[in-house]
């Protein structure tokens, strides 16, 4: 039996005692309903004020049973509420300790600053893809949402160096600054960039003039929700069929299609081959959209004679199973 079920039983027992006692004194002793109710409360709480009216023999017999039932009900209620309080306090304590242990083990994870609408959407997408996440949120109410989602959260300002250290920024894979204030986002990005020059930092900007400031502060990329919405509205008007395809492929009810990136390992059997010789389409079933060398610009729609080099990143589109085949191919060493 759960603690909630026991609490419901307590309320039911107390209600039965009050109603039953009031009805018994009213009908047996012919007292008014208020006097019967008052006598029942006096009996239940064992205050000992005495009988408000003399009891008949039948009334004393009834009161004897009422006392036993009332003491049992009140005792059971006190014990249940005490247990519920202890469980709540222990739950909060152990929950905090469990979360602290999870945070202490974090590595190769993503840090999300701000648990607003943008931060929550980022978290849902990352978690759907099996990524590890930790939030930094100074608002306790928003932090409560993160806790309810069973995600680790540090309740502090994301611009605090101590908070970033606790979030293990030194081992993080990526960093998202998505608080609602542009000024605070700039300060967060500056602080995060001070820890690591190689960290990928994505920042949110509310105002257009904040974009250049965030980039100067050290953000790898800056996105504006308002700019994105405006651009999407225009695209819906101008290219509705293209967006229908994108939504079908990558929306909430997406097809089994994904755009991914696969890094070519140094000892991969693909190194030194051209795209046509590697026959990636035939072996993995993916379409190569681009090649990003370690140095230089991204090559979109690369030619078949493009040579694959070590540490190149292939941008491809295909089913999740096909992407895994390509990853295995990229990691396979030359025979």
C-alpha atoms as a PDB file:
ATOM      1  CA  UNK A   1       0.000   0.000   0.000  1.00  0.00           C
ATOM      2  CA  UNK A   2       1.409   3.387  -0.990  1.00  0.00           C
ATOM      3  CA  UNK A   3       1.656   6.304   1.400  1.00  0.00           C
ATOM      4  CA  UNK A   4      -0.939   8.189  -0.643  1.00  0.00           C
ATOM      5  CA  UNK A   5      -3.438   5.339  -0.255  1.00  0.00           C
ATOM      6  CA  UNK A   6      -2.809   5.296   3.493  1.00  0.00           C
ATOM      7  CA  UNK A   7      -3.449   9.049   3.668  1.00  0.00           C
ATOM      8  CA  UNK A   8      -6.775   8.562   1.899  1.00  0.00           C
ATOM      9  CA  UNK A   9      -7.672   5.829   4.426  1.00  0.00           C
ATOM     10  CA  UNK A  10      -6.805   8.221   7.278  1.00  0.00           C
ATOM     11  CA  UNK A  11      -9.146  10.873   5.938  1.00  0.00           C
ATOM     12  CA  UNK A  12     -11.865   8.263   5.478  1.00  0.00           C
ATOM     13  CA  UNK A  13     -11.455   6.967   9.048  1.00  0.00           C
ATOM     14  CA  UNK A  14     -11.536  10.456  10.566  1.00  0.00           C
ATOM     15  CA  UNK A  15     -14.615  11.309   8.532  1.00  0.00           C
ATOM     16  CA  UNK A  16     -16.343   8.130   9.660  1.00  0.00           C
ATOM     17  CA  UNK A  17     -15.539   8.854  13.320  1.00  0.00           C
ATOM     18  CA  UNK A  18     -16.858  12.422  13.141  1.00  0.00           C
ATOM     19  CA  UNK A  19     -20.003  11.543  11.208  1.00  0.00           C
ATOM     20  CA  UNK A  20     -20.678   8.350  13.151  1.00  0.00           C
ATOM     21  CA  UNK A  21     -20.064   9.971  16.540  1.00  0.00           C
ATOM     22  CA  UNK A  22     -22.191  13.006  15.745  1.00  0.00           C
ATOM     23  CA  UNK A  23     -25.042  10.824  14.483  1.00  0.00           C
ATOM     24  CA  UNK A  24     -24.795   8.485  17.482  1.00  0.00           C
ATOM     25  CA  UNK A  25     -25.015  11.223  20.126  1.00  0.00           C
ATOM     26  CA  UNK A  26     -27.751  12.969  18.165  1.00  0.00           C
ATOM     27  CA  UNK A  27     -30.022   9.956  17.850  1.00  0.00           C
ATOM     28  CA  UNK A  28     -29.183   8.094  21.095  1.00  0.00           C
ATOM     29  CA  UNK A  29     -29.124  11.122  23.417  1.00  0.00           C
ATOM     30  CA  UNK A  30     -31.355  13.436  21.342  1.00  0.00           C
ATOM     31  CA  UNK A  31     -28.717  16.163  21.459  1.00  0.00           C
ATOM     32  CA  UNK A  32     -28.465  18.946  18.900  1.00  0.00           C
ATOM     33  CA  UNK A  33     -26.187  18.295  15.947  1.00  0.00           C
ATOM     34  CA  UNK A  34     -23.682  20.872  17.198  1.00  0.00           C
ATOM     35  CA  UNK A  35     -23.541  19.391  20.709  1.00  0.00           C
ATOM     36  CA  UNK A  36     -23.126  15.906  19.207  1.00  0.00           C
ATOM     37  CA  UNK A  37     -20.337  17.151  16.923  1.00  0.00           C
ATOM     38  CA  UNK A  38     -18.601  18.957  19.807  1.00  0.00           C
ATOM     39  CA  UNK A  39     -18.772  15.859  22.043  1.00  0.00           C
ATOM     40  CA  UNK A  40     -17.306  13.752  19.220  1.00  0.00           C
ATOM     41  CA  UNK A  41     -14.341  16.121  18.790  1.00  0.00           C
ATOM     42  CA  UNK A  42     -13.769  16.151  22.564  1.00  0.00           C
ATOM     43  CA  UNK A  43     -13.738  12.354  22.604  1.00  0.00           C
ATOM     44  CA  UNK A  44     -11.456  12.064  19.555  1.00  0.00           C
ATOM     45  CA  UNK A  45      -8.849  14.502  20.875  1.00  0.00           C
ATOM     46  CA  UNK A  46      -8.973  13.092  24.427  1.00  0.00           C
ATOM     47  CA  UNK A  47      -9.042  16.644  25.805  1.00  0.00           C
ATOM     48  CA  UNK A  48     -11.067  15.540  28.838  1.00  0.00           C
ATOM     49  CA  UNK A  49     -13.512  18.453  29.203  1.00  0.00           C
ATOM     50  CA  UNK A  50     -16.123  16.000  30.415  1.00  0.00           C
ATOM     51  CA  UNK A  51     -19.598  15.276  29.151  1.00  0.00           C
ATOM     52  CA  UNK A  52     -21.415  18.373  27.947  1.00  0.00           C
ATOM     53  CA  UNK A  53     -24.687  16.640  28.924  1.00  0.00           C
ATOM     54  CA  UNK A  54     -25.145  13.607  31.204  1.00  0.00           C
ATOM     55  CA  UNK A  55     -24.962  10.381  29.210  1.00  0.00           C
ATOM     56  CA  UNK A  56     -27.465   7.593  29.451  1.00  0.00           C
ATOM     57  CA  UNK A  57     -26.351   3.974  29.836  1.00  0.00           C
ATOM     58  CA  UNK A  58     -26.744   3.412  26.104  1.00  0.00           C
ATOM     59  CA  UNK A  59     -24.822   6.636  25.420  1.00  0.00           C
ATOM     60  CA  UNK A  60     -21.899   5.496  27.598  1.00  0.00           C
ATOM     61  CA  UNK A  61     -21.736   2.146  25.809  1.00  0.00           C
ATOM     62  CA  UNK A  62     -21.711   3.970  22.455  1.00  0.00           C
ATOM     63  CA  UNK A  63     -19.083   6.430  23.745  1.00  0.00           C
ATOM     64  CA  UNK A  64     -16.853   3.545  24.897  1.00  0.00           C
ATOM     65  CA  UNK A  65     -16.708   2.101  21.397  1.00  0.00           C
ATOM     66  CA  UNK A  66     -16.269   5.591  19.940  1.00  0.00           C
ATOM     67  CA  UNK A  67     -13.252   6.234  22.191  1.00  0.00           C
ATOM     68  CA  UNK A  68     -11.513   3.024  21.060  1.00  0.00           C
ATOM     69  CA  UNK A  69     -12.243   3.660  17.380  1.00  0.00           C
ATOM     70  CA  UNK A  70     -11.262   7.346  17.651  1.00  0.00           C
ATOM     71  CA  UNK A  71      -7.938   6.627  19.421  1.00  0.00           C
ATOM     72  CA  UNK A  72      -7.099   4.020  16.781  1.00  0.00           C
ATOM     73  CA  UNK A  73      -8.017   6.374  13.923  1.00  0.00           C
ATOM     74  CA  UNK A  74      -6.105   9.368  15.328  1.00  0.00           C
ATOM     75  CA  UNK A  75      -3.066   7.214  16.124  1.00  0.00           C
ATOM     76  CA  UNK A  76      -3.075   5.708  12.652  1.00  0.00           C
ATOM     77  CA  UNK A  77      -3.373   9.190  11.141  1.00  0.00           C
ATOM     78  CA  UNK A  78      -0.481  10.590  13.196  1.00  0.00           C
ATOM     79  CA  UNK A  79       1.728   7.621  12.290  1.00  0.00           C
ATOM     80  CA  UNK A  80       0.864   7.905   8.596  1.00  0.00           C
ATOM     81  CA  UNK A  81       1.496  11.642   8.410  1.00  0.00           C
ATOM     82  CA  UNK A  82       4.794  11.209  10.281  1.00  0.00           C
ATOM     83  CA  UNK A  83       5.852   8.525   7.820  1.00  0.00           C
ATOM     84  CA  UNK A  84       4.844  10.717   4.861  1.00  0.00           C
ATOM     85  CA  UNK A  85       6.851  13.632   6.245  1.00  0.00           C
ATOM     86  CA  UNK A  86       9.909  11.452   6.834  1.00  0.00           C
ATOM     87  CA  UNK A  87       9.670   9.957   3.354  1.00  0.00           C
ATOM     88  CA  UNK A  88       9.361  13.414   1.847  1.00  0.00           C
ATOM     89  CA  UNK A  89      12.376  14.747   3.731  1.00  0.00           C
ATOM     90  CA  UNK A  90      14.470  11.634   3.113  1.00  0.00           C
ATOM     91  CA  UNK A  91      13.386  11.648  -0.527  1.00  0.00           C
ATOM     92  CA  UNK A  92      14.571  15.212  -0.971  1.00  0.00           C
ATOM     93  CA  UNK A  93      17.841  14.489   0.833  1.00  0.00           C
ATOM     94  CA  UNK A  94      18.624  11.286  -1.053  1.00  0.00           C
ATOM     95  CA  UNK A  95      17.420  12.858  -4.299  1.00  0.00           C
ATOM     96  CA  UNK A  96      19.916  15.683  -3.862  1.00  0.00           C
ATOM     97  CA  UNK A  97      22.702  13.256  -3.036  1.00  0.00           C
ATOM     98  CA  UNK A  98      21.864  11.061  -6.025  1.00  0.00           C
ATOM     99  CA  UNK A  99      21.873  14.113  -8.276  1.00  0.00           C
ATOM    100  CA  UNK A 100      25.208  15.260  -6.864  1.00  0.00           C
ATOM    101  CA  UNK A 101      26.669  11.811  -7.594  1.00  0.00           C
ATOM    102  CA  UNK A 102      25.322  11.983 -11.155  1.00  0.00           C
ATOM    103  CA  UNK A 103      26.836  15.431 -11.659  1.00  0.00           C
ATOM    104  CA  UNK A 104      30.166  14.278 -10.221  1.00  0.00           C
ATOM    105  CA  UNK A 105      30.354  11.488 -12.840  1.00  0.00           C
ATOM    106  CA  UNK A 106      29.496  13.720 -15.807  1.00  0.00           C
ATOM    107  CA  UNK A 107      31.785  13.599 -18.823  1.00  0.00           C
ATOM    108  CA  UNK A 108      31.251  14.094 -22.546  1.00  0.00           C
ATOM    109  CA  UNK A 109      27.964  15.848 -21.780  1.00  0.00           C
ATOM    110  CA  UNK A 110      26.071  19.007 -22.676  1.00  0.00           C
ATOM    111  CA  UNK A 111      25.560  21.960 -20.346  1.00  0.00           C
ATOM    112  CA  UNK A 112      22.331  23.923 -20.764  1.00  0.00           C
ATOM    113  CA  UNK A 113      22.097  27.296 -19.046  1.00  0.00           C
ATOM    114  CA  UNK A 114      18.481  28.280 -18.517  1.00  0.00           C
ATOM    115  CA  UNK A 115      15.458  26.002 -18.145  1.00  0.00           C
ATOM    116  CA  UNK A 116      13.044  28.207 -20.064  1.00  0.00           C
ATOM    117  CA  UNK A 117      11.216  27.225 -23.238  1.00  0.00           C
ATOM    118  CA  UNK A 118      14.360  27.227 -25.366  1.00  0.00           C
ATOM    119  CA  UNK A 119      16.449  25.281 -22.859  1.00  0.00           C
ATOM    120  CA  UNK A 120      13.698  22.704 -22.357  1.00  0.00           C
ATOM    121  CA  UNK A 121      13.342  22.135 -26.089  1.00  0.00           C
ATOM    122  CA  UNK A 122      17.107  21.655 -26.439  1.00  0.00           C
ATOM    123  CA  UNK A 123      17.057  19.173 -23.551  1.00  0.00           C
ATOM    124  CA  UNK A 124      14.220  17.134 -25.058  1.00  0.00           C
ATOM    125  CA  UNK A 125      16.022  16.851 -28.400  1.00  0.00           C
ATOM    126  CA  UNK A 126      19.344  15.902 -26.825  1.00  0.00           C
ATOM    127  CA  UNK A 127      17.774  13.376 -24.447  1.00  0.00           C
ATOM    128  CA  UNK A 128      15.816  11.812 -27.327  1.00  0.00           C
ATOM    129  CA  UNK A 129      19.185  11.113 -28.920  1.00  0.00           C
ATOM    130  CA  UNK A 130      20.650   9.551 -25.787  1.00  0.00           C
ATOM    131  CA  UNK A 131      22.906  12.452 -24.812  1.00  0.00           C
ATOM    132  CA  UNK A 132      23.899  13.339 -21.251  1.00  0.00           C
ATOM    133  CA  UNK A 133      22.686  16.725 -20.005  1.00  0.00           C
ATOM    134  CA  UNK A 134      23.117  18.971 -16.987  1.00  0.00           C
ATOM    135  CA  UNK A 135      21.162  22.186 -16.411  1.00  0.00           C
ATOM    136  CA  UNK A 136      22.307  25.340 -14.664  1.00  0.00           C
ATOM    137  CA  UNK A 137      19.271  27.343 -13.544  1.00  0.00           C
ATOM    138  CA  UNK A 138      19.058  29.988 -10.814  1.00  0.00           C
ATOM    139  CA  UNK A 139      15.244  30.104 -10.666  1.00  0.00           C
ATOM    140  CA  UNK A 140      14.056  27.433  -8.163  1.00  0.00           C
ATOM    141  CA  UNK A 141      10.664  27.070  -9.881  1.00  0.00           C
ATOM    142  CA  UNK A 142      12.248  26.284 -13.239  1.00  0.00           C
ATOM    143  CA  UNK A 143      14.804  24.053 -11.563  1.00  0.00           C
ATOM    144  CA  UNK A 144      11.873  22.077 -10.131  1.00  0.00           C
ATOM    145  CA  UNK A 145      10.784  21.261 -13.707  1.00  0.00           C
ATOM    146  CA  UNK A 146      14.238  19.835 -14.396  1.00  0.00           C
ATOM    147  CA  UNK A 147      14.108  17.713 -11.236  1.00  0.00           C
ATOM    148  CA  UNK A 148      10.668  16.390 -12.193  1.00  0.00           C
ATOM    149  CA  UNK A 149      12.133  15.407 -15.565  1.00  0.00           C
ATOM    150  CA  UNK A 150      14.800  13.430 -13.638  1.00  0.00           C
ATOM    151  CA  UNK A 151      17.632  15.472 -15.095  1.00  0.00           C
ATOM    152  CA  UNK A 152      20.578  16.809 -13.072  1.00  0.00           C
ATOM    153  CA  UNK A 153      20.446  20.513 -12.293  1.00  0.00           C
ATOM    154  CA  UNK A 154      22.691  22.991 -10.498  1.00  0.00           C
ATOM    155  CA  UNK A 155      20.650  25.754  -8.875  1.00  0.00           C
ATOM    156  CA  UNK A 156      22.941  28.738  -9.346  1.00  0.00           C
ATOM    157  CA  UNK A 157      23.765  31.546 -11.736  1.00  0.00           C
ATOM    158  CA  UNK A 158      25.302  30.188 -14.941  1.00  0.00           C
ATOM    159  CA  UNK A 159      27.733  33.109 -14.992  1.00  0.00           C
ATOM    160  CA  UNK A 160      29.305  31.811 -11.785  1.00  0.00           C
ATOM    161  CA  UNK A 161      32.664  30.115 -12.273  1.00  0.00           C
ATOM    162  CA  UNK A 162      31.877  27.806  -9.367  1.00  0.00           C
ATOM    163  CA  UNK A 163      28.667  26.641 -11.063  1.00  0.00           C
ATOM    164  CA  UNK A 164      30.518  25.926 -14.313  1.00  0.00           C
ATOM    165  CA  UNK A 165      33.151  23.953 -12.432  1.00  0.00           C
ATOM    166  CA  UNK A 166      30.434  21.899 -10.717  1.00  0.00           C
ATOM    167  CA  UNK A 167      28.916  21.225 -14.150  1.00  0.00           C
ATOM    168  CA  UNK A 168      32.313  19.856 -15.272  1.00  0.00           C
ATOM    169  CA  UNK A 169      32.757  22.286 -18.124  1.00  0.00           C
ATOM    170  CA  UNK A 170      36.285  20.900 -18.529  1.00  0.00           C
ATOM    171  CA  UNK A 171      34.867  17.591 -19.863  1.00  0.00           C
ATOM    172  CA  UNK A 172      31.707  18.907 -21.568  1.00  0.00           C
ATOM    173  CA  UNK A 173      30.974  18.161 -25.224  1.00  0.00           C
ATOM    174  CA  UNK A 174      28.929  21.308 -25.798  1.00  0.00           C
ATOM    175  CA  UNK A 175      27.511  24.365 -24.044  1.00  0.00           C
ATOM    176  CA  UNK A 176      24.172  26.142 -24.543  1.00  0.00           C
ATOM    177  CA  UNK A 177      23.455  29.586 -23.119  1.00  0.00           C
ATOM    178  CA  UNK A 178      19.688  30.033 -23.369  1.00  0.00           C
ATOM    179  CA  UNK A 179      18.649  32.433 -20.609  1.00  0.00           C
ATOM    180  CA  UNK A 180      16.176  35.163 -21.542  1.00  0.00           C
ATOM    181  CA  UNK A 181      18.504  38.127 -20.928  1.00  0.00           C
ATOM    182  CA  UNK A 182      20.989  39.000 -23.693  1.00  0.00           C
ATOM    183  CA  UNK A 183      23.282  40.744 -21.204  1.00  0.00           C
ATOM    184  CA  UNK A 184      23.373  37.661 -19.001  1.00  0.00           C
ATOM    185  CA  UNK A 185      23.973  35.411 -22.009  1.00  0.00           C
ATOM    186  CA  UNK A 186      26.976  37.548 -22.994  1.00  0.00           C
ATOM    187  CA  UNK A 187      28.432  37.281 -19.499  1.00  0.00           C
ATOM    188  CA  UNK A 188      27.797  33.511 -19.407  1.00  0.00           C
ATOM    189  CA  UNK A 189      29.517  33.013 -22.760  1.00  0.00           C
ATOM    190  CA  UNK A 190      32.510  35.111 -21.646  1.00  0.00           C
ATOM    191  CA  UNK A 191      32.862  33.059 -18.476  1.00  0.00           C
ATOM    192  CA  UNK A 192      32.506  29.715 -20.292  1.00  0.00           C
ATOM    193  CA  UNK A 193      34.968  30.685 -23.017  1.00  0.00           C
ATOM    194  CA  UNK A 194      37.464  31.630 -20.327  1.00  0.00           C
ATOM    195  CA  UNK A 195      37.499  27.991 -19.212  1.00  0.00           C
ATOM    196  CA  UNK A 196      37.964  26.410 -22.639  1.00  0.00           C
ATOM    197  CA  UNK A 197      38.905  27.783 -26.021  1.00  0.00           C
ATOM    198  CA  UNK A 198      37.854  24.601 -27.856  1.00  0.00           C
ATOM    199  CA  UNK A 199      34.340  24.259 -26.412  1.00  0.00           C
ATOM    200  CA  UNK A 200      31.402  24.575 -28.810  1.00  0.00           C
ATOM    201  CA  UNK A 201      29.159  27.293 -27.375  1.00  0.00           C
ATOM    202  CA  UNK A 202      25.695  27.960 -28.787  1.00  0.00           C
ATOM    203  CA  UNK A 203      23.981  31.103 -27.513  1.00  0.00           C
ATOM    204  CA  UNK A 204      20.472  32.496 -27.746  1.00  0.00           C
ATOM    205  CA  UNK A 205      19.923  36.139 -28.679  1.00  0.00           C
ATOM    206  CA  UNK A 206      16.667  38.031 -28.220  1.00  0.00           C
ATOM    207  CA  UNK A 207      17.754  41.256 -29.901  1.00  0.00           C
ATOM    208  CA  UNK A 208      19.514  41.434 -33.264  1.00  0.00           C
ATOM    209  CA  UNK A 209      22.262  43.744 -31.997  1.00  0.00           C
ATOM    210  CA  UNK A 210      23.214  41.159 -29.356  1.00  0.00           C
ATOM    211  CA  UNK A 211      24.290  38.614 -32.006  1.00  0.00           C
ATOM    212  CA  UNK A 212      27.587  40.339 -32.863  1.00  0.00           C
ATOM    213  CA  UNK A 213      28.323  40.915 -29.159  1.00  0.00           C
ATOM    214  CA  UNK A 214      27.785  37.249 -28.327  1.00  0.00           C
ATOM    215  CA  UNK A 215      30.067  36.213 -31.170  1.00  0.00           C
ATOM    216  CA  UNK A 216      32.768  38.578 -29.912  1.00  0.00           C
ATOM    217  CA  UNK A 217      32.265  37.207 -26.404  1.00  0.00           C
ATOM    218  CA  UNK A 218      33.205  33.760 -27.690  1.00  0.00           C
ATOM    219  CA  UNK A 219      30.029  32.055 -28.891  1.00  0.00           C
ATOM    220  CA  UNK A 220      30.592  29.550 -31.684  1.00  0.00           C
ATOM    221  CA  UNK A 221      27.123  30.245 -33.060  1.00  0.00           C
ATOM    222  CA  UNK A 222      24.237  32.514 -32.104  1.00  0.00           C
ATOM    223  CA  UNK A 223      20.575  31.840 -32.819  1.00  0.00           C
ATOM    224  CA  UNK A 224      17.605  34.156 -32.403  1.00  0.00           C
ATOM    225  CA  UNK A 225      14.190  32.503 -31.860  1.00  0.00           C
ATOM    226  CA  UNK A 226      12.471  35.555 -33.322  1.00  0.00           C
ATOM    227  CA  UNK A 227      14.660  35.604 -36.419  1.00  0.00           C
ATOM    228  CA  UNK A 228      14.080  31.874 -36.857  1.00  0.00           C
ATOM    229  CA  UNK A 229      10.296  32.225 -36.585  1.00  0.00           C
ATOM    230  CA  UNK A 230      10.251  35.122 -39.033  1.00  0.00           C
ATOM    231  CA  UNK A 231      12.418  33.227 -41.506  1.00  0.00           C
ATOM    232  CA  UNK A 232      10.242  30.136 -41.198  1.00  0.00           C
ATOM    233  CA  UNK A 233       7.053  32.119 -41.855  1.00  0.00           C
ATOM    234  CA  UNK A 234       8.619  33.509 -45.025  1.00  0.00           C
ATOM    235  CA  UNK A 235       9.716  30.026 -46.104  1.00  0.00           C
ATOM    236  CA  UNK A 236       6.215  28.670 -45.499  1.00  0.00           C
ATOM    237  CA  UNK A 237       4.903  31.308 -47.863  1.00  0.00           C
ATOM    238  CA  UNK A 238       7.604  30.878 -50.519  1.00  0.00           C
ATOM    239  CA  UNK A 239       8.636  27.190 -50.302  1.00  0.00           C
ATOM    240  CA  UNK A 240       5.858  25.275 -48.515  1.00  0.00           C
ATOM    241  CA  UNK A 241       6.689  21.907 -50.126  1.00  0.00           C
ATOM    242  CA  UNK A 242      10.328  22.090 -49.033  1.00  0.00           C
ATOM    243  CA  UNK A 243       9.310  22.723 -45.429  1.00  0.00           C
ATOM    244  CA  UNK A 244       6.720  19.944 -45.610  1.00  0.00           C
ATOM    245  CA  UNK A 245       9.558  17.569 -46.489  1.00  0.00           C
ATOM    246  CA  UNK A 246      11.772  18.887 -43.688  1.00  0.00           C
ATOM    247  CA  UNK A 247       8.948  18.556 -41.148  1.00  0.00           C
ATOM    248  CA  UNK A 248       8.136  15.039 -42.330  1.00  0.00           C
ATOM    249  CA  UNK A 249      11.790  14.019 -42.129  1.00  0.00           C
ATOM    250  CA  UNK A 250      12.900  15.777 -38.947  1.00  0.00           C
ATOM    251  CA  UNK A 251       9.765  16.934 -37.114  1.00  0.00           C
ATOM    252  CA  UNK A 252       8.100  15.389 -34.079  1.00  0.00           C
ATOM    253  CA  UNK A 253       6.528  12.672 -36.262  1.00  0.00           C
ATOM    254  CA  UNK A 254       9.591  12.321 -38.421  1.00  0.00           C
ATOM    255  CA  UNK A 255      10.376   9.629 -40.929  1.00  0.00           C
ATOM    256  CA  UNK A 256      13.279   7.294 -40.301  1.00  0.00           C
ATOM    257  CA  UNK A 257      15.627   9.907 -41.760  1.00  0.00           C
ATOM    258  CA  UNK A 258      18.387  11.839 -40.060  1.00  0.00           C
ATOM    259  CA  UNK A 259      21.163  14.212 -41.016  1.00  0.00           C
ATOM    260  CA  UNK A 260      24.309  13.183 -39.207  1.00  0.00           C
ATOM    261  CA  UNK A 261      28.039  13.665 -39.209  1.00  0.00           C
ATOM    262  CA  UNK A 262      30.643  10.919 -39.148  1.00  0.00           C
ATOM    263  CA  UNK A 263      34.309  11.539 -38.492  1.00  0.00           C
ATOM    264  CA  UNK A 264      36.851   9.502 -40.417  1.00  0.00           C
ATOM    265  CA  UNK A 265      39.404   7.952 -38.076  1.00  0.00           C
ATOM    266  CA  UNK A 266      43.109   8.131 -38.861  1.00  0.00           C
ATOM    267  CA  UNK A 267      43.438   4.374 -39.482  1.00  0.00           C
ATOM    268  CA  UNK A 268      40.127   4.026 -41.321  1.00  0.00           C
ATOM    269  CA  UNK A 269      40.081   1.957 -44.489  1.00  0.00           C
ATOM    270  CA  UNK A 270      38.360   4.908 -46.203  1.00  0.00           C
ATOM    271  CA  UNK A 271      41.384   7.207 -45.852  1.00  0.00           C
ATOM    272  CA  UNK A 272      42.991   7.950 -49.212  1.00  0.00           C
ATOM    273  CA  UNK A 273      40.047   6.751 -51.273  1.00  0.00           C
ATOM    274  CA  UNK A 274      37.850   8.907 -53.438  1.00  0.00           C
ATOM    275  CA  UNK A 275      34.136   9.080 -52.718  1.00  0.00           C
ATOM    276  CA  UNK A 276      33.394   7.022 -55.821  1.00  0.00           C
ATOM    277  CA  UNK A 277      35.947   4.335 -54.891  1.00  0.00           C
ATOM    278  CA  UNK A 278      34.711   4.195 -51.291  1.00  0.00           C
ATOM    279  CA  UNK A 279      31.189   3.363 -52.569  1.00  0.00           C
ATOM    280  CA  UNK A 280      29.666   4.728 -49.360  1.00  0.00           C
ATOM    281  CA  UNK A 281      26.206   4.980 -50.888  1.00  0.00           C
ATOM    282  CA  UNK A 282      26.273   1.304 -51.879  1.00  0.00           C
ATOM    283  CA  UNK A 283      27.790   0.031 -48.586  1.00  0.00           C
ATOM    284  CA  UNK A 284      25.986   2.174 -46.021  1.00  0.00           C
ATOM    285  CA  UNK A 285      22.939   3.451 -47.904  1.00  0.00           C
ATOM    286  CA  UNK A 286      23.502   7.123 -47.051  1.00  0.00           C
ATOM    287  CA  UNK A 287      23.703  10.214 -49.250  1.00  0.00           C
ATOM    288  CA  UNK A 288      26.755  12.442 -48.750  1.00  0.00           C
ATOM    289  CA  UNK A 289      25.727  16.072 -48.468  1.00  0.00           C
ATOM    290  CA  UNK A 290      29.126  17.547 -47.659  1.00  0.00           C
ATOM    291  CA  UNK A 291      32.680  17.012 -46.486  1.00  0.00           C
ATOM    292  CA  UNK A 292      34.214  19.134 -43.716  1.00  0.00           C
ATOM    293  CA  UNK A 293      38.010  18.845 -43.647  1.00  0.00           C
ATOM    294  CA  UNK A 294      39.896  19.527 -40.419  1.00  0.00           C
ATOM    295  CA  UNK A 295      41.111  22.757 -41.965  1.00  0.00           C
ATOM    296  CA  UNK A 296      39.170  24.702 -44.535  1.00  0.00           C
ATOM    297  CA  UNK A 297      35.573  25.331 -45.468  1.00  0.00           C
ATOM    298  CA  UNK A 298      32.771  22.801 -45.767  1.00  0.00           C
ATOM    299  CA  UNK A 299      32.482  21.341 -49.280  1.00  0.00           C
ATOM    300  CA  UNK A 300      28.808  20.995 -50.187  1.00  0.00           C
ATOM    301  CA  UNK A 301      27.756  18.243 -52.624  1.00  0.00           C
ATOM    302  CA  UNK A 302      31.337  17.001 -53.082  1.00  0.00           C
ATOM    303  CA  UNK A 303      32.453  15.595 -56.433  1.00  0.00           C
ATOM    304  CA  UNK A 304      32.953  11.813 -56.797  1.00  0.00           C
ATOM    305  CA  UNK A 305      36.718  12.322 -57.142  1.00  0.00           C
ATOM    306  CA  UNK A 306      36.964  14.055 -53.762  1.00  0.00           C
ATOM    307  CA  UNK A 307      39.627  12.280 -51.684  1.00  0.00           C
ATOM    308  CA  UNK A 308      38.733  11.258 -48.128  1.00  0.00           C
ATOM    309  CA  UNK A 309      41.402  12.273 -45.625  1.00  0.00           C
ATOM    310  CA  UNK A 310      41.982  11.369 -42.006  1.00  0.00           C
ATOM    311  CA  UNK A 311      39.854  13.371 -39.534  1.00  0.00           C
ATOM    312  CA  UNK A 312      37.513  14.602 -42.273  1.00  0.00           C
ATOM    313  CA  UNK A 313      33.861  14.800 -41.256  1.00  0.00           C
ATOM    314  CA  UNK A 314      31.221  13.508 -43.651  1.00  0.00           C
ATOM    315  CA  UNK A 315      27.815  15.208 -43.519  1.00  0.00           C
ATOM    316  CA  UNK A 316      25.267  12.601 -44.605  1.00  0.00           C
ATOM    317  CA  UNK A 317      21.537  11.930 -44.683  1.00  0.00           C
ATOM    318  CA  UNK A 318      19.940   8.540 -44.158  1.00  0.00           C
ATOM    319  CA  UNK A 319      18.176   6.231 -41.746  1.00  0.00           C
ATOM    320  CA  UNK A 320      19.615   5.804 -38.271  1.00  0.00           C
ATOM    321  CA  UNK A 321      20.629   2.211 -39.072  1.00  0.00           C
ATOM    322  CA  UNK A 322      22.442   3.435 -42.193  1.00  0.00           C
ATOM    323  CA  UNK A 323      24.330   6.060 -40.185  1.00  0.00           C
ATOM    324  CA  UNK A 324      25.499   3.350 -37.814  1.00  0.00           C
ATOM    325  CA  UNK A 325      26.750   1.333 -40.793  1.00  0.00           C
ATOM    326  CA  UNK A 326      28.754   4.337 -41.956  1.00  0.00           C
ATOM    327  CA  UNK A 327      30.197   4.822 -38.465  1.00  0.00           C
ATOM    328  CA  UNK A 328      31.329   1.204 -38.467  1.00  0.00           C
ATOM    329  CA  UNK A 329      32.810   1.695 -41.946  1.00  0.00           C
ATOM    330  CA  UNK A 330      34.619   4.853 -40.862  1.00  0.00           C
ATOM    331  CA  UNK A 331      36.085   3.081 -37.824  1.00  0.00           C
ATOM    332  CA  UNK A 332      37.129  -0.061 -39.704  1.00  0.00           C
ATOM    333  CA  UNK A 333      40.915  -0.213 -40.093  1.00  0.00           C
ATOM    334  CA  UNK A 334      42.562  -0.926 -43.413  1.00  0.00           C
ATOM    335  CA  UNK A 335      43.407  -4.585 -43.983  1.00  0.00           C
END
